[in-house]
Every structure is written in structure tokens, then in C-alpha cells.
N, C-alpha and C. Protein backbone atom coordinates (compact mmCIF):
# COMPACT_ATOMS: atom_id res chain seq x y z
N ALA A 1 0.80 -1.41 0.36
CA ALA A 1 0.20 0.06 -0.05
C ALA A 1 0.65 1.28 0.06
N GLU A 2 0.38 2.58 -0.90
CA GLU A 2 1.22 3.50 -0.53
C GLU A 2 1.15 4.44 0.62
N SER A 3 2.09 5.01 1.36
CA SER A 3 2.50 5.44 2.23
C SER A 3 3.47 6.65 2.10
N TRP A 4 3.10 7.72 2.87
CA TRP A 4 3.55 8.81 2.57
C TRP A 4 5.26 8.64 3.95
N ARG A 5 4.91 7.55 4.73
CA ARG A 5 6.21 7.24 5.27
C ARG A 5 7.21 6.07 4.56
N GLU A 6 8.38 6.78 3.58
CA GLU A 6 8.56 5.74 3.08
C GLU A 6 9.84 4.95 3.87
N SER A 7 10.02 5.51 5.26
CA SER A 7 11.00 4.94 6.20
C SER A 7 10.72 3.58 6.38
N ALA A 8 9.71 3.08 6.01
CA ALA A 8 8.76 1.91 6.98
C ALA A 8 9.46 0.43 5.73
N SER A 9 9.19 1.50 4.88
CA SER A 9 8.99 0.68 2.98
C SER A 9 10.53 0.32 2.51
N TYR A 10 11.54 1.78 2.43
CA TYR A 10 12.62 1.76 1.69
C TYR A 10 13.72 1.74 2.92
N GLU A 11 14.71 1.30 2.60
CA GLU A 11 16.33 1.38 3.10
C GLU A 11 17.15 2.66 2.52
N PRO A 12 17.63 3.37 3.58
CA PRO A 12 18.09 4.77 2.63
C PRO A 12 19.36 4.38 2.13
N GLY A 13 20.31 4.99 1.26
CA GLY A 13 20.75 5.34 0.84
C GLY A 13 21.97 5.71 1.85
N THR A 14 23.55 5.17 1.29
CA THR A 14 24.73 6.46 1.92
C THR A 14 25.30 6.38 1.24
N GLU A 15 25.42 6.73 -0.23
CA GLU A 15 26.11 7.28 -1.52
C GLU A 15 25.48 8.14 -2.49
N GLY A 16 25.85 9.61 -2.43
CA GLY A 16 25.06 10.54 -3.66
C GLY A 16 26.10 10.39 -4.93
N VAL A 17 25.46 10.60 -5.90
CA VAL A 17 25.64 10.61 -7.21
C VAL A 17 26.06 12.02 -7.92
N VAL A 18 27.48 12.40 -8.35
CA VAL A 18 27.40 13.60 -9.55
C VAL A 18 27.85 12.85 -10.88
N THR A 19 26.89 13.68 -11.99
CA THR A 19 27.57 12.95 -13.09
C THR A 19 27.30 13.97 -14.12
N ASP A 20 28.49 14.19 -15.32
CA ASP A 20 28.08 15.01 -16.38
C ASP A 20 27.17 15.30 -16.98
N VAL A 21 26.21 16.20 -17.44
CA VAL A 21 24.95 16.50 -18.58
C VAL A 21 25.65 17.37 -19.32
N ASN A 22 26.08 16.99 -20.21
CA ASN A 22 26.37 18.20 -21.28
C ASN A 22 27.53 19.17 -20.72
N GLY A 23 28.20 18.86 -19.80
CA GLY A 23 29.25 20.04 -19.21
C GLY A 23 29.24 20.31 -18.37
N VAL A 24 28.34 20.32 -17.80
CA VAL A 24 27.24 20.76 -16.25
C VAL A 24 27.08 19.00 -15.27
N LYS A 25 27.62 19.88 -14.12
CA LYS A 25 27.83 18.42 -13.15
C LYS A 25 26.55 18.43 -12.41
N LEU A 26 25.51 17.45 -12.05
CA LEU A 26 24.11 17.01 -11.81
C LEU A 26 24.26 16.40 -10.15
N GLY A 27 23.89 16.94 -9.92
CA GLY A 27 24.11 15.71 -8.07
C GLY A 27 22.68 15.36 -8.36
N PHE A 28 22.40 14.23 -7.82
CA PHE A 28 21.11 13.14 -7.16
C PHE A 28 20.44 13.17 -6.22
N ALA A 29 19.11 13.09 -5.61
CA ALA A 29 18.58 12.96 -4.28
C ALA A 29 17.02 12.51 -4.99
N VAL A 30 16.61 11.93 -3.74
CA VAL A 30 15.25 12.01 -3.99
C VAL A 30 14.46 12.22 -3.06
N CYS A 31 13.32 13.21 -2.87
CA CYS A 31 12.36 13.38 -2.00
C CYS A 31 12.73 13.76 -0.84
N TYR A 32 12.78 12.60 0.30
CA TYR A 32 13.08 12.78 1.68
C TYR A 32 14.51 12.98 1.63
N ASP A 33 15.49 12.97 0.94
CA ASP A 33 17.04 13.62 0.74
C ASP A 33 17.08 14.75 1.32
N LEU A 34 15.42 15.68 0.70
CA LEU A 34 15.70 17.04 0.75
C LEU A 34 16.00 17.34 2.58
N ARG A 35 15.92 16.51 3.24
CA ARG A 35 16.25 16.83 4.69
C ARG A 35 17.40 16.69 4.91
N PHE A 36 18.73 16.33 4.41
CA PHE A 36 19.30 15.83 4.70
C PHE A 36 20.27 16.84 3.92
N PRO A 37 21.03 18.29 4.19
CA PRO A 37 21.48 19.00 4.00
C PRO A 37 22.82 18.32 3.30
N GLN A 38 23.74 17.44 4.60
CA GLN A 38 24.75 17.05 4.14
C GLN A 38 25.03 16.19 2.97
N LEU A 39 23.71 15.37 2.45
CA LEU A 39 23.89 15.30 1.10
C LEU A 39 24.08 16.10 0.47
N PHE A 40 23.32 17.17 -0.18
CA PHE A 40 23.46 17.90 -1.37
C PHE A 40 24.95 18.56 -0.89
N ARG A 41 25.55 19.31 0.69
CA ARG A 41 26.84 19.58 0.54
C ARG A 41 27.95 18.53 0.11
N ALA A 42 27.46 17.31 -0.05
CA ALA A 42 28.44 16.45 -0.54
C ALA A 42 28.53 16.32 -1.73
N GLU A 43 27.18 16.49 -2.66
CA GLU A 43 27.45 16.47 -4.07
C GLU A 43 28.07 17.97 -4.06
N ALA A 44 27.72 18.82 -3.91
CA ALA A 44 28.47 20.53 -3.82
C ALA A 44 29.63 19.89 -3.95
N LEU A 45 30.86 19.57 -3.34
CA LEU A 45 31.89 19.29 -2.74
C LEU A 45 32.30 18.52 -4.01
N ALA A 46 31.96 17.94 -4.56
CA ALA A 46 31.83 16.79 -5.85
C ALA A 46 31.92 17.58 -6.69
N GLY A 47 31.55 18.90 -7.01
CA GLY A 47 31.12 20.05 -8.00
C GLY A 47 30.18 20.45 -8.75
N ALA A 48 28.81 19.13 -8.09
CA ALA A 48 28.15 19.76 -8.38
C ALA A 48 27.33 20.90 -8.52
N GLN A 49 26.93 21.44 -9.98
CA GLN A 49 26.49 23.16 -9.93
C GLN A 49 25.00 22.97 -9.93
N VAL A 50 23.66 21.88 -10.02
CA VAL A 50 22.91 21.58 -10.39
C VAL A 50 22.63 20.31 -9.60
N LEU A 51 21.94 20.65 -8.61
CA LEU A 51 21.42 19.47 -7.97
C LEU A 51 19.46 19.26 -8.04
N SER A 52 19.33 17.89 -8.23
CA SER A 52 18.09 17.84 -8.18
C SER A 52 17.41 16.75 -7.31
N VAL A 53 15.66 17.05 -7.24
CA VAL A 53 15.52 16.30 -6.36
C VAL A 53 13.98 15.92 -6.38
N PRO A 54 13.80 14.89 -7.46
CA PRO A 54 12.61 14.57 -7.71
C PRO A 54 11.40 14.30 -6.31
N ALA A 55 9.91 14.87 -5.88
CA ALA A 55 9.64 14.61 -4.59
C ALA A 55 7.72 14.57 -4.82
N ALA A 56 7.78 13.79 -4.17
CA ALA A 56 5.59 13.71 -3.70
C ALA A 56 5.33 13.79 -1.95
N PHE A 57 5.83 15.35 -1.58
CA PHE A 57 5.36 16.02 -0.41
C PHE A 57 4.00 15.97 -0.67
N THR A 58 3.45 15.25 0.96
CA THR A 58 2.13 15.48 1.18
C THR A 58 1.95 16.98 1.43
N ARG A 59 0.25 17.43 0.91
CA ARG A 59 0.01 18.68 1.05
C ARG A 59 0.41 19.48 2.40
N GLN A 60 0.26 18.79 3.23
CA GLN A 60 0.65 19.13 4.41
C GLN A 60 2.27 19.83 4.82
N THR A 61 2.73 18.97 4.72
CA THR A 61 4.57 18.92 4.39
C THR A 61 5.12 20.02 3.44
N GLY A 62 4.18 19.93 2.20
CA GLY A 62 4.93 20.78 1.59
C GLY A 62 4.32 22.12 1.32
N GLU A 63 3.15 22.51 2.15
CA GLU A 63 2.72 23.25 2.20
C GLU A 63 4.08 24.59 3.50
N ALA A 64 4.68 23.88 4.24
CA ALA A 64 4.99 24.18 5.68
C ALA A 64 6.64 23.84 4.45
N HIS A 65 7.16 23.01 4.27
CA HIS A 65 8.24 22.56 3.61
C HIS A 65 8.86 23.03 2.67
N TRP A 66 8.44 22.66 1.76
CA TRP A 66 8.87 22.69 0.61
C TRP A 66 9.69 23.58 -0.02
N HIS A 67 8.88 25.08 -0.41
CA HIS A 67 9.40 25.73 -0.77
C HIS A 67 11.10 26.45 0.15
N VAL A 68 10.97 26.27 1.28
CA VAL A 68 11.51 26.97 2.08
C VAL A 68 13.04 26.19 1.97
N LEU A 69 12.64 24.39 2.13
CA LEU A 69 13.89 23.18 1.79
C LEU A 69 14.29 23.38 0.71
N LEU A 70 13.87 23.96 -0.27
CA LEU A 70 14.66 23.91 -1.60
C LEU A 70 15.31 25.25 -1.65
N ARG A 71 14.96 26.21 -1.43
CA ARG A 71 15.76 26.77 -1.00
C ARG A 71 16.92 27.10 -0.58
N ALA A 72 16.87 26.94 0.50
CA ALA A 72 17.89 26.93 1.41
C ALA A 72 18.93 25.56 0.85
N ARG A 73 18.57 24.78 0.37
CA ARG A 73 19.95 23.97 -0.56
C ARG A 73 20.01 24.32 -1.41
N ALA A 74 19.50 25.47 -2.27
CA ALA A 74 20.30 25.91 -2.89
C ALA A 74 21.28 26.99 -2.85
N ILE A 75 21.05 27.57 -2.08
CA ILE A 75 21.35 28.39 -1.04
C ILE A 75 22.79 28.86 -0.51
N GLU A 76 22.53 27.79 0.01
CA GLU A 76 24.34 26.88 1.33
C GLU A 76 24.85 26.37 0.44
N ASN A 77 24.16 25.95 -0.92
CA ASN A 77 25.51 25.07 -2.24
C ASN A 77 25.88 25.78 -3.04
N GLY A 78 24.88 27.18 -3.04
CA GLY A 78 25.60 27.94 -4.59
C GLY A 78 25.06 26.90 -5.83
N ALA A 79 23.82 26.25 -5.94
CA ALA A 79 23.90 25.57 -6.89
C ALA A 79 22.26 25.98 -7.43
N TYR A 80 21.89 25.69 -8.54
CA TYR A 80 20.62 25.19 -9.03
C TYR A 80 20.06 24.37 -8.48
N LEU A 81 18.47 24.46 -8.29
CA LEU A 81 17.85 22.92 -7.47
C LEU A 81 16.89 22.89 -8.36
N ILE A 82 16.66 21.83 -9.01
CA ILE A 82 15.38 21.28 -9.94
C ILE A 82 15.38 19.99 -8.84
N ALA A 83 13.26 20.48 -8.85
CA ALA A 83 12.76 19.75 -8.18
C ALA A 83 11.47 19.58 -8.63
N ALA A 84 10.82 18.42 -9.56
CA ALA A 84 10.00 17.61 -9.83
C ALA A 84 9.33 17.52 -9.02
N ALA A 85 7.62 17.70 -8.92
CA ALA A 85 7.43 17.05 -7.43
C ALA A 85 5.92 16.64 -8.16
N GLN A 86 5.57 15.49 -7.47
CA GLN A 86 4.07 15.02 -7.61
C GLN A 86 3.03 16.04 -6.88
N GLY A 87 1.99 16.41 -7.91
CA GLY A 87 0.77 16.56 -7.20
C GLY A 87 -0.54 16.58 -7.60
N GLY A 88 -1.64 16.71 -5.83
CA GLY A 88 -2.65 16.33 -6.68
C GLY A 88 -3.54 15.14 -5.33
N LEU A 89 -4.86 14.43 -5.50
CA LEU A 89 -4.99 13.37 -4.82
C LEU A 89 -5.06 12.12 -5.56
N HIS A 90 -4.51 11.51 -5.10
CA HIS A 90 -4.31 9.95 -5.44
C HIS A 90 -6.13 9.17 -4.77
N GLU A 91 -5.45 7.64 -4.84
CA GLU A 91 -6.61 6.89 -5.09
C GLU A 91 -7.24 6.92 -3.81
N ASP A 92 -5.88 6.58 -2.75
CA ASP A 92 -5.64 6.19 -1.31
C ASP A 92 -6.51 7.10 -0.37
N GLY A 93 -6.76 8.18 -1.41
CA GLY A 93 -6.77 9.76 -0.58
C GLY A 93 -5.97 10.43 -0.51
N ARG A 94 -4.55 10.46 -0.50
CA ARG A 94 -3.64 11.05 -0.23
C ARG A 94 -3.43 11.94 -0.96
N GLU A 95 -2.89 13.48 -0.32
CA GLU A 95 -2.80 14.48 -1.35
C GLU A 95 -0.97 15.14 -1.79
N THR A 96 -0.35 14.81 -2.95
CA THR A 96 0.36 15.11 -2.47
C THR A 96 0.43 16.81 -3.26
N TYR A 97 1.44 17.74 -2.93
CA TYR A 97 1.89 18.70 -3.08
C TYR A 97 2.36 19.95 -4.39
N GLY A 98 3.07 19.17 -5.16
CA GLY A 98 2.97 19.68 -6.51
C GLY A 98 4.07 20.70 -6.26
N HIS A 99 3.56 21.65 -7.29
CA HIS A 99 4.70 22.73 -7.25
C HIS A 99 6.16 22.43 -7.51
N SER A 100 6.39 21.90 -8.87
CA SER A 100 7.94 21.69 -9.32
C SER A 100 8.08 22.98 -9.12
N LEU A 101 9.50 23.12 -9.14
CA LEU A 101 10.27 24.23 -9.14
C LEU A 101 12.25 24.10 -9.76
N ILE A 102 12.32 25.44 -9.92
CA ILE A 102 13.61 25.69 -10.32
C ILE A 102 14.25 26.69 -9.39
N VAL A 103 15.31 26.31 -8.33
CA VAL A 103 15.50 28.07 -8.13
C VAL A 103 17.31 27.86 -8.39
N ASP A 104 17.22 29.17 -8.38
CA ASP A 104 18.55 29.40 -8.80
C ASP A 104 19.86 29.69 -7.23
N PRO A 105 21.21 29.39 -7.91
CA PRO A 105 22.16 29.24 -6.41
C PRO A 105 21.77 30.93 -5.59
N TRP A 106 21.11 31.46 -5.61
CA TRP A 106 21.40 33.13 -4.82
C TRP A 106 19.55 32.34 -4.02
N GLY A 107 18.81 31.45 -4.55
CA GLY A 107 17.62 31.13 -4.27
C GLY A 107 15.96 31.84 -4.53
N ARG A 108 16.18 32.28 -5.67
CA ARG A 108 15.15 32.60 -6.82
C ARG A 108 14.58 31.92 -6.76
N ILE A 109 13.30 31.83 -6.59
CA ILE A 109 12.74 30.89 -7.40
C ILE A 109 12.28 31.01 -9.24
N ILE A 110 13.14 30.67 -10.45
CA ILE A 110 12.97 30.55 -11.52
C ILE A 110 12.07 30.55 -12.54
N ALA A 111 11.14 29.39 -11.94
CA ALA A 111 10.58 28.39 -13.00
C ALA A 111 9.23 27.68 -11.71
N GLU A 112 8.30 27.70 -11.73
CA GLU A 112 7.39 27.01 -10.67
C GLU A 112 6.12 26.68 -11.35
N ALA A 113 5.52 25.03 -11.23
CA ALA A 113 4.36 24.68 -12.05
C ALA A 113 3.23 24.70 -10.51
N ALA A 114 2.32 24.56 -10.88
CA ALA A 114 0.92 25.15 -10.19
C ALA A 114 0.73 23.36 -9.43
N HIS A 115 0.14 23.70 -8.44
CA HIS A 115 -0.06 22.44 -7.27
C HIS A 115 -0.44 21.11 -8.20
N ASP A 116 -1.37 20.88 -8.62
CA ASP A 116 -2.23 19.95 -9.56
C ASP A 116 -2.77 19.92 -10.57
N GLU A 117 -1.81 20.51 -11.17
CA GLU A 117 -2.24 20.43 -12.94
C GLU A 117 -1.12 20.01 -13.10
N PRO A 118 -1.54 18.99 -14.32
CA PRO A 118 0.12 18.19 -15.24
C PRO A 118 0.73 19.69 -16.02
N GLY A 119 1.87 19.49 -16.03
CA GLY A 119 2.55 20.54 -16.78
C GLY A 119 4.52 20.10 -16.79
N VAL A 120 5.26 21.45 -17.46
CA VAL A 120 6.33 21.50 -17.82
C VAL A 120 6.81 22.40 -17.22
N ILE A 121 7.96 23.36 -16.62
CA ILE A 121 8.37 24.18 -16.06
C ILE A 121 9.89 23.79 -17.16
N VAL A 122 10.46 25.58 -17.65
CA VAL A 122 11.73 25.22 -18.09
C VAL A 122 12.18 26.60 -17.65
N ALA A 123 13.74 26.53 -17.64
CA ALA A 123 14.47 27.68 -16.99
C ALA A 123 15.35 27.52 -17.42
N GLU A 124 16.31 28.80 -17.48
CA GLU A 124 17.67 28.96 -18.63
C GLU A 124 18.75 28.64 -17.43
N ILE A 125 19.53 27.51 -17.38
CA ILE A 125 20.55 26.97 -16.41
C ILE A 125 21.94 27.56 -16.92
N ASP A 126 22.81 28.59 -15.97
CA ASP A 126 23.79 28.83 -16.54
C ASP A 126 24.70 28.47 -15.24
N PRO A 127 25.46 27.74 -15.65
CA PRO A 127 26.62 27.35 -14.93
C PRO A 127 27.56 28.38 -13.85
N ALA A 128 27.86 29.74 -14.68
CA ALA A 128 28.51 30.35 -14.63
C ALA A 128 28.14 31.16 -13.14
N GLN A 129 26.25 31.27 -13.01
CA GLN A 129 25.99 31.96 -11.96
C GLN A 129 26.56 30.93 -10.63
N SER A 130 26.02 29.62 -10.81
CA SER A 130 26.62 28.86 -9.57
C SER A 130 27.71 29.09 -8.99
N ALA A 131 29.20 29.37 -10.36
CA ALA A 131 30.27 29.53 -9.75
C ALA A 131 30.55 30.90 -9.23
N ALA A 132 29.38 31.76 -9.49
CA ALA A 132 29.40 33.65 -9.12
C ALA A 132 28.44 33.24 -7.52
N ALA A 133 27.91 32.42 -7.37
CA ALA A 133 27.16 32.38 -6.12
C ALA A 133 28.05 32.21 -4.79
N ARG A 134 29.03 30.59 -5.30
CA ARG A 134 30.23 30.55 -4.70
C ARG A 134 31.60 31.50 -4.32
N ARG A 135 31.75 32.15 -5.43
CA ARG A 135 32.64 33.47 -4.99
C ARG A 135 31.91 34.30 -4.39
N LYS A 136 30.66 34.64 -4.10
CA LYS A 136 29.83 35.72 -3.60
C LYS A 136 29.71 35.44 -1.78
N ILE A 137 29.54 34.22 -2.09
CA ILE A 137 29.70 33.15 -0.64
C ILE A 137 30.15 32.14 -0.48
N PRO A 138 31.67 32.27 -0.11
CA PRO A 138 32.76 31.02 -0.22
C PRO A 138 32.50 29.72 0.77
N ASN A 139 31.28 29.57 1.04
CA ASN A 139 31.26 28.50 2.29
C ASN A 139 31.50 27.21 2.05
N LEU A 140 31.37 26.95 0.32
CA LEU A 140 31.93 25.61 0.44
C LEU A 140 33.27 25.60 0.58
N LYS A 141 33.83 26.54 0.37
CA LYS A 141 35.95 26.39 0.51
C LYS A 141 36.09 26.46 1.84
N ASN A 142 34.96 27.35 2.82
CA ASN A 142 35.55 27.63 3.81
C ASN A 142 34.71 26.69 4.78
N ALA A 143 34.19 25.80 4.69
CA ALA A 143 33.38 24.48 5.01
C ALA A 143 34.38 23.74 5.66
N ARG A 144 33.95 23.64 7.15
CA ARG A 144 34.54 22.90 8.38
C ARG A 144 33.88 21.77 9.29
N ASP A 145 34.22 20.98 9.92
CA ASP A 145 33.88 20.05 10.90
C ASP A 145 33.28 21.24 12.34
N PHE A 146 32.59 20.34 13.01
CA PHE A 146 31.97 21.00 14.54
C PHE A 146 32.19 20.18 15.45
N THR A 147 32.80 19.54 16.51
CA THR A 147 32.05 18.92 17.64
C THR A 147 31.61 19.81 18.34
N VAL A 148 30.92 19.28 19.51
CA VAL A 148 29.39 19.43 20.25
C VAL A 148 30.03 19.12 21.83
N ASN A 149 30.38 19.86 22.40
CA ASN A 149 30.40 19.28 23.95
C ASN A 149 29.02 20.11 24.41
N ALA A 150 28.31 18.48 24.56
CA ALA A 150 27.00 18.40 24.92
C ALA A 150 27.19 18.06 26.69
N GLY A 151 28.11 18.42 27.33
CA GLY A 151 28.02 18.18 29.17
C GLY A 151 28.23 19.32 29.45
N GLU A 152 29.03 19.97 30.44
CA GLU A 152 28.46 21.15 31.46
C GLU A 152 29.74 21.76 30.39
N ALA A 153 28.84 23.48 30.00
CA ALA A 153 29.52 24.27 29.48
C ALA A 153 30.88 24.53 29.74
N PRO A 154 31.80 24.96 29.07
CA PRO A 154 32.84 25.64 29.59
C PRO A 154 32.80 26.87 29.79
N ARG A 155 33.73 27.40 30.57
CA ARG A 155 33.77 28.78 31.24
C ARG A 155 33.92 29.65 29.57
N LEU A 156 33.76 30.89 29.57
CA LEU A 156 33.38 31.81 28.44
C LEU A 156 34.70 32.70 28.94
N ARG A 157 35.95 33.02 28.33
CA ARG A 157 37.11 33.21 28.33
C ARG A 157 36.04 34.88 28.56
N GLY A 158 36.68 35.66 29.59
CA GLY A 158 36.19 36.91 30.26
C GLY A 158 34.28 37.06 30.62
N ALA A 159 34.10 35.57 30.93
CA ALA A 159 32.73 35.31 32.09
C ALA A 159 33.15 35.51 33.20
N ALA A 160 31.82 36.86 34.17
CA ALA A 160 32.18 37.23 35.31
C ALA A 160 32.02 35.70 36.28
N SER A 161 33.05 35.88 37.00
CA SER A 161 33.25 34.78 38.24
C SER A 161 31.90 34.36 39.14
């Protein structure tokens, strides 16, 4: 039976994929992967200029999260985000959000489809825009790992006694 809880039926992968399509590096993800920024970061660090994520977000999660997550992944990685999205009412009563989007590396939505109407969206993808965004905000170049001290907080320098 169809379900929105994919984790009950599918095992998650652990490897990202980046390939060359007509001279542009394209990274791949699927649906729920959108909630894991580290995948998109790994693909961007591997050279992806365009990130793709076909999905079927429910209407409820789509309205709350779809646009903001896609825009965040584009901005965080200085990459285009192409997101084909299933929309409409399904036989089992489940409703998916739709709103296929293309987002530029600065986080601007440059093409969007309607909620539940079949359609095609098209936008010009310029890999130079990805490079320009990454020069303006060089967070890929400046990426670093963090450790977290979850125990007692150390005293800050200059803190009152």
C-alpha cells in the first residue's frame, strides 16, 4: 500500500551521485533526501552545479517546508535546484503538494508549476551563476567540521566569576 512514511518500506542509501550532463555537473537526490543537507553539501563539494530532487511531499508538509527547504539547499550550496514534484489527489486519499520548482543559486525561484495541474517548467541554467554565487558566499571553500560539547558548558573567556 502507498504510504508517506517511506522509512517503513525503503532502506536509505549512503552514497551521493554526481554526473556530467552536457558539461554541467548534476547531483541526484530523491524526495525525503531533501531533509538531509549533508547530502547536497557532499554533492556540491564533489562539483555539482545543479542539484535535482524529484519528490512527492504531502500537501501538509509541502505547504510548510517545500519552498523553504529547496531554497535553503540552493543557497547553502551555491547551486541550481531542480525539483520535479507530484501533485494532486491519489486513489488512497493522499494528497501531494506539487509545485515543481527550479531555484537559482541565489535562492530565487525561477520557474514553478501549479499544485495539481500536469505541466512542464523550463528555465535557463547558467553554470557561471553557480560559480558566481560560490565566489560571493564561499561557504564550500570555508566548510569545516564541528564538535559539540553536550556536557557542562566551559567557562567563556572574560565571563564574570
